[in-house]
Structure formats: C-alpha cells, structure tokens
Amino acid sequence: MCWSESDRLVSGSLLAFFDSAYEPTVGMADYARRLQRGSGGDDVEAGVTAALACLLLQRALTRQFGDGRAWVTPLNAHRLLLAATVVALKLLRDRPSKRLMYELARQGGVPTRELAQLEAAMLFLLAFELYVPSEEFSTFCDEHTARLSLAF
C-alpha cells in the first residue's frame, strides 16, 4: 500500500484506513494491556513504550486534524493505538525482532502484513517526524501519569 502527499491532504482518508470492519469487543484498557504483554521487555520498558505511543498518537492526530479526539472512533481507536505502539517500540529499540512484531500482531488481532500497513499509515500521519525531545516526553508523562496508569 502506498500513500502520496495528496492522499494525506484528503480529510480523513488516511485515517479511514484504521477503521475496523466491526467494533472490537475488547475495551481499550484491556487492549492496551494485551499490547503491553506483547511488547516484551520489563514493566518499565513497557510503560515507556505505552507513554511514547500515546504521545505519538496525540501528535499525529493533532498534526493532521487539529483536535485529534474528534477523529478517534470505536472503529479505529484500537488500530491507532496498535500502530502507535509499533512505531514507539521501533523508536526505542535498535533492532526489534521479527518475533516481537509477530507477537504484537497476534496480541493486536491483525495479520502481520496488516500491522506493517498500519505502521506505514501511522508514519504518514506523523509526517515521518519521530523525534521526541526529552523535555516534551517528560512534560507529557507528567501531564498524563494518572490517565496512563489507569490504562495499564
């Protein structure tokens, strides 16, 4: 799957790629815990990955659509979180294993090929701007600690 700059400019077209055919039966908190288990590593690494994924997701939606919350629906929320988690893991690890990506796809409930497509779509939503200054990450964590601890 390939996206051009013009595809990104069509309001919601790229975001529609994240829509599931049906609303998932698992809640977001349980889904986030599944992804945390699938991401490997210890609890600290999993927490940092989750926080970075949330920051990247917020950044992507705000950058593309202004108030990102208006674009998150029950049909796309799970896949958006999954894609952001994959991008976060790859940012934090020098060489994530193929086995890890397979496990994340399994925990996320999607085929590995679809996971790769979701990852690519997330990178386009982020306009490939992945650098997160430590100050921005610290501020995000401080502001969202209570919310993140409830999710995990």
C-alpha atoms as a PDB file:
ATOM      1  CA  MET A   1       0.000   0.000   0.000  1.00  0.00           C
ATOM      2  CA  CYS A   2       1.352   3.406  -0.899  1.00  0.00           C
ATOM      3  CA  TRP A   3       0.171   6.881   0.034  1.00  0.00           C
ATOM      4  CA  SER A   4       1.015  10.143  -1.643  1.00  0.00           C
ATOM      5  CA  GLU A   5       1.044  13.649  -0.216  1.00  0.00           C
ATOM      6  CA  SER A   6      -2.335  14.304  -1.866  1.00  0.00           C
ATOM      7  CA  ASP A   7      -3.829  11.266  -0.088  1.00  0.00           C
ATOM      8  CA  ARG A   8      -2.802  12.739   3.250  1.00  0.00           C
ATOM      9  CA  LEU A   9      -4.479  16.020   2.421  1.00  0.00           C
ATOM     10  CA  VAL A  10      -7.888  14.462   1.815  1.00  0.00           C
ATOM     11  CA  SER A  11      -9.575  14.917   5.173  1.00  0.00           C
ATOM     12  CA  GLY A  12      -9.818  11.621   6.981  1.00  0.00           C
ATOM     13  CA  SER A  13      -8.854   9.431   4.017  1.00  0.00           C
ATOM     14  CA  LEU A  14      -5.717   8.109   5.639  1.00  0.00           C
ATOM     15  CA  LEU A  15      -7.420   7.826   8.997  1.00  0.00           C
ATOM     16  CA  ALA A  16     -10.190   5.734   7.400  1.00  0.00           C
ATOM     17  CA  PHE A  17      -7.530   3.091   6.751  1.00  0.00           C
ATOM     18  CA  PHE A  18      -7.510   2.400  10.502  1.00  0.00           C
ATOM     19  CA  ASP A  19     -11.239   1.633  10.603  1.00  0.00           C
ATOM     20  CA  SER A  20     -12.140  -1.903  11.570  1.00  0.00           C
ATOM     21  CA  ALA A  21     -14.991  -3.687   9.819  1.00  0.00           C
ATOM     22  CA  TYR A  22     -16.708  -4.036  13.190  1.00  0.00           C
ATOM     23  CA  GLU A  23     -16.397  -2.539  16.643  1.00  0.00           C
ATOM     24  CA  PRO A  24     -13.972  -4.598  18.750  1.00  0.00           C
ATOM     25  CA  THR A  25     -15.475  -6.332  21.748  1.00  0.00           C
ATOM     26  CA  VAL A  26     -12.407  -5.812  23.936  1.00  0.00           C
ATOM     27  CA  GLY A  27     -12.215  -2.477  25.747  1.00  0.00           C
ATOM     28  CA  MET A  28      -9.323  -0.076  25.256  1.00  0.00           C
ATOM     29  CA  ALA A  29      -7.797  -0.689  28.704  1.00  0.00           C
ATOM     30  CA  ASP A  30      -7.756  -4.463  28.149  1.00  0.00           C
ATOM     31  CA  TYR A  31      -6.427  -3.992  24.615  1.00  0.00           C
ATOM     32  CA  ALA A  32      -3.642  -1.729  25.904  1.00  0.00           C
ATOM     33  CA  ARG A  33      -2.708  -4.404  28.457  1.00  0.00           C
ATOM     34  CA  ARG A  34      -2.574  -7.013  25.690  1.00  0.00           C
ATOM     35  CA  LEU A  35      -0.242  -4.799  23.682  1.00  0.00           C
ATOM     36  CA  GLN A  36       1.880  -4.248  26.772  1.00  0.00           C
ATOM     37  CA  ARG A  37       2.239  -8.025  27.198  1.00  0.00           C
ATOM     38  CA  GLY A  38       3.053  -8.417  23.516  1.00  0.00           C
ATOM     39  CA  SER A  39       5.709  -5.711  23.516  1.00  0.00           C
ATOM     40  CA  GLY A  40       8.126  -7.748  25.616  1.00  0.00           C
ATOM     41  CA  GLY A  41      10.618  -6.206  27.991  1.00  0.00           C
ATOM     42  CA  ASP A  42      10.138  -5.352  31.628  1.00  0.00           C
ATOM     43  CA  ASP A  43       7.417  -3.211  33.184  1.00  0.00           C
ATOM     44  CA  VAL A  44       9.474  -0.023  32.931  1.00  0.00           C
ATOM     45  CA  GLU A  45      10.159  -0.514  29.223  1.00  0.00           C
ATOM     46  CA  ALA A  46       6.514  -1.371  28.613  1.00  0.00           C
ATOM     47  CA  GLY A  47       5.446   1.799  30.455  1.00  0.00           C
ATOM     48  CA  VAL A  48       7.833   3.980  28.486  1.00  0.00           C
ATOM     49  CA  THR A  49       6.637   2.358  25.250  1.00  0.00           C
ATOM     50  CA  ALA A  50       2.997   2.978  26.188  1.00  0.00           C
ATOM     51  CA  ALA A  51       3.658   6.614  27.083  1.00  0.00           C
ATOM     52  CA  LEU A  52       5.618   7.213  23.872  1.00  0.00           C
ATOM     53  CA  ALA A  53       2.886   5.535  21.815  1.00  0.00           C
ATOM     54  CA  CYS A  54       0.249   7.813  23.381  1.00  0.00           C
ATOM     55  CA  LEU A  55       2.400  10.885  22.766  1.00  0.00           C
ATOM     56  CA  LEU A  56       2.967   9.926  19.117  1.00  0.00           C
ATOM     57  CA  LEU A  57      -0.716   9.198  18.610  1.00  0.00           C
ATOM     58  CA  GLN A  58      -1.704  12.549  20.092  1.00  0.00           C
ATOM     59  CA  ARG A  59       0.914  14.286  17.941  1.00  0.00           C
ATOM     60  CA  ALA A  60      -0.237  12.526  14.754  1.00  0.00           C
ATOM     61  CA  LEU A  61      -3.905  13.294  15.220  1.00  0.00           C
ATOM     62  CA  THR A  62      -3.313  16.881  16.297  1.00  0.00           C
ATOM     63  CA  ARG A  63      -0.926  17.496  13.405  1.00  0.00           C
ATOM     64  CA  GLN A  64      -3.282  16.080  10.800  1.00  0.00           C
ATOM     65  CA  PHE A  65      -6.697  17.046  12.121  1.00  0.00           C
ATOM     66  CA  GLY A  66      -6.378  19.779  14.750  1.00  0.00           C
ATOM     67  CA  ASP A  67      -8.439  18.387  17.613  1.00  0.00           C
ATOM     68  CA  GLY A  68      -7.485  14.727  17.272  1.00  0.00           C
ATOM     69  CA  ARG A  69     -10.136  13.480  19.653  1.00  0.00           C
ATOM     70  CA  ALA A  70     -12.880  14.181  17.118  1.00  0.00           C
ATOM     71  CA  TRP A  71     -11.337  11.641  14.740  1.00  0.00           C
ATOM     72  CA  VAL A  72     -10.946   8.733  17.151  1.00  0.00           C
ATOM     73  CA  THR A  73     -13.901   6.371  16.989  1.00  0.00           C
ATOM     74  CA  PRO A  74     -14.709   2.914  18.360  1.00  0.00           C
ATOM     75  CA  LEU A  75     -13.846   1.542  14.909  1.00  0.00           C
ATOM     76  CA  ASN A  76     -10.330   2.985  14.710  1.00  0.00           C
ATOM     77  CA  ALA A  77      -9.103   3.535  18.290  1.00  0.00           C
ATOM     78  CA  HIS A  78      -7.630   0.051  18.745  1.00  0.00           C
ATOM     79  CA  ARG A  79      -5.740   0.052  15.455  1.00  0.00           C
ATOM     80  CA  LEU A  80      -4.445   3.577  16.019  1.00  0.00           C
ATOM     81  CA  LEU A  81      -3.034   2.506  19.388  1.00  0.00           C
ATOM     82  CA  LEU A  82      -1.543  -0.648  17.864  1.00  0.00           C
ATOM     83  CA  ALA A  83       0.209   1.297  15.091  1.00  0.00           C
ATOM     84  CA  ALA A  84       1.496   3.930  17.523  1.00  0.00           C
ATOM     85  CA  THR A  85       2.817   1.157  19.785  1.00  0.00           C
ATOM     86  CA  VAL A  86       4.750  -0.416  16.907  1.00  0.00           C
ATOM     87  CA  VAL A  87       6.300   2.928  15.959  1.00  0.00           C
ATOM     88  CA  ALA A  88       7.184   3.620  19.605  1.00  0.00           C
ATOM     89  CA  LEU A  89       8.788   0.196  20.019  1.00  0.00           C
ATOM     90  CA  LYS A  90      10.877   0.668  16.912  1.00  0.00           C
ATOM     91  CA  LEU A  91      11.997   4.078  18.142  1.00  0.00           C
ATOM     92  CA  LEU A  92      13.067   2.664  21.494  1.00  0.00           C
ATOM     93  CA  ARG A  93      14.763  -0.488  20.262  1.00  0.00           C
ATOM     94  CA  ASP A  94      17.677  -0.570  17.871  1.00  0.00           C
ATOM     95  CA  ARG A  95      16.614  -3.826  16.274  1.00  0.00           C
ATOM     96  CA  PRO A  96      13.163  -5.114  17.178  1.00  0.00           C
ATOM     97  CA  SER A  97      12.935  -8.800  16.335  1.00  0.00           C
ATOM     98  CA  LYS A  98      10.572 -10.239  13.745  1.00  0.00           C
ATOM     99  CA  ARG A  99       9.217 -12.425  16.516  1.00  0.00           C
ATOM    100  CA  LEU A 100       8.301  -9.326  18.517  1.00  0.00           C
ATOM    101  CA  MET A 101       6.394  -7.856  15.567  1.00  0.00           C
ATOM    102  CA  TYR A 102       4.629 -11.192  15.067  1.00  0.00           C
ATOM    103  CA  GLU A 103       3.665 -11.241  18.757  1.00  0.00           C
ATOM    104  CA  LEU A 104       2.358  -7.671  18.601  1.00  0.00           C
ATOM    105  CA  ALA A 105       0.288  -8.540  15.531  1.00  0.00           C
ATOM    106  CA  ARG A 106      -1.107 -11.568  17.357  1.00  0.00           C
ATOM    107  CA  GLN A 107      -1.888  -9.583  20.515  1.00  0.00           C
ATOM    108  CA  GLY A 108      -3.351  -6.788  18.376  1.00  0.00           C
ATOM    109  CA  GLY A 109      -5.565  -9.217  16.479  1.00  0.00           C
ATOM    110  CA  VAL A 110      -4.304  -8.384  12.989  1.00  0.00           C
ATOM    111  CA  PRO A 111      -2.182 -10.236  10.415  1.00  0.00           C
ATOM    112  CA  THR A 112       1.490  -9.200  10.286  1.00  0.00           C
ATOM    113  CA  ARG A 113       1.054  -7.727   6.803  1.00  0.00           C
ATOM    114  CA  GLU A 114      -1.766  -5.508   8.041  1.00  0.00           C
ATOM    115  CA  LEU A 115       0.358  -4.467  11.022  1.00  0.00           C
ATOM    116  CA  ALA A 116       3.050  -3.286   8.605  1.00  0.00           C
ATOM    117  CA  GLN A 117       0.443  -1.302   6.660  1.00  0.00           C
ATOM    118  CA  LEU A 118      -0.913   0.270   9.851  1.00  0.00           C
ATOM    119  CA  GLU A 119       2.626   1.206  10.852  1.00  0.00           C
ATOM    120  CA  ALA A 120       3.202   2.869   7.474  1.00  0.00           C
ATOM    121  CA  ALA A 121      -0.077   4.772   7.758  1.00  0.00           C
ATOM    122  CA  MET A 122       0.913   5.983  11.234  1.00  0.00           C
ATOM    123  CA  LEU A 123       4.252   7.199   9.876  1.00  0.00           C
ATOM    124  CA  PHE A 124       2.387   9.226   7.244  1.00  0.00           C
ATOM    125  CA  LEU A 125       0.052  10.649   9.910  1.00  0.00           C
ATOM    126  CA  LEU A 126       3.200  11.694  11.788  1.00  0.00           C
ATOM    127  CA  ALA A 127       4.687  13.118   8.561  1.00  0.00           C
ATOM    128  CA  PHE A 128       7.722  10.961   9.487  1.00  0.00           C
ATOM    129  CA  GLU A 129       8.571  13.418  12.278  1.00  0.00           C
ATOM    130  CA  LEU A 130       9.515  10.977  15.015  1.00  0.00           C
ATOM    131  CA  TYR A 131      11.990  12.884  17.138  1.00  0.00           C
ATOM    132  CA  VAL A 132      10.678  13.474  20.655  1.00  0.00           C
ATOM    133  CA  PRO A 133      12.807  15.790  22.818  1.00  0.00           C
ATOM    134  CA  SER A 134      13.267  14.522  26.370  1.00  0.00           C
ATOM    135  CA  GLU A 135      11.597  17.670  27.735  1.00  0.00           C
ATOM    136  CA  GLU A 136       8.483  17.040  25.636  1.00  0.00           C
ATOM    137  CA  PHE A 137       8.355  13.409  26.777  1.00  0.00           C
ATOM    138  CA  SER A 138       8.786  14.358  30.442  1.00  0.00           C
ATOM    139  CA  THR A 139       6.095  17.024  30.227  1.00  0.00           C
ATOM    140  CA  PHE A 140       3.715  14.602  28.502  1.00  0.00           C
ATOM    141  CA  CYS A 141       4.324  11.947  31.157  1.00  0.00           C
ATOM    142  CA  ASP A 142       3.825  14.432  33.989  1.00  0.00           C
ATOM    143  CA  GLU A 143       0.546  15.659  32.489  1.00  0.00           C
ATOM    144  CA  HIS A 144      -0.807  12.203  31.711  1.00  0.00           C
ATOM    145  CA  THR A 145       0.528   9.971  34.504  1.00  0.00           C
ATOM    146  CA  ALA A 146      -2.849   9.392  36.112  1.00  0.00           C
ATOM    147  CA  ARG A 147      -4.526   8.602  32.794  1.00  0.00           C
ATOM    148  CA  LEU A 148      -1.760   6.259  31.660  1.00  0.00           C
ATOM    149  CA  SER A 149      -1.666   4.368  34.963  1.00  0.00           C
ATOM    150  CA  LEU A 150      -5.401   3.734  34.685  1.00  0.00           C
ATOM    151  CA  ALA A 151      -4.956   2.279  31.211  1.00  0.00           C
ATOM    152  CA  PHE A 152      -2.235  -0.120  32.277  1.00  0.00           C
END
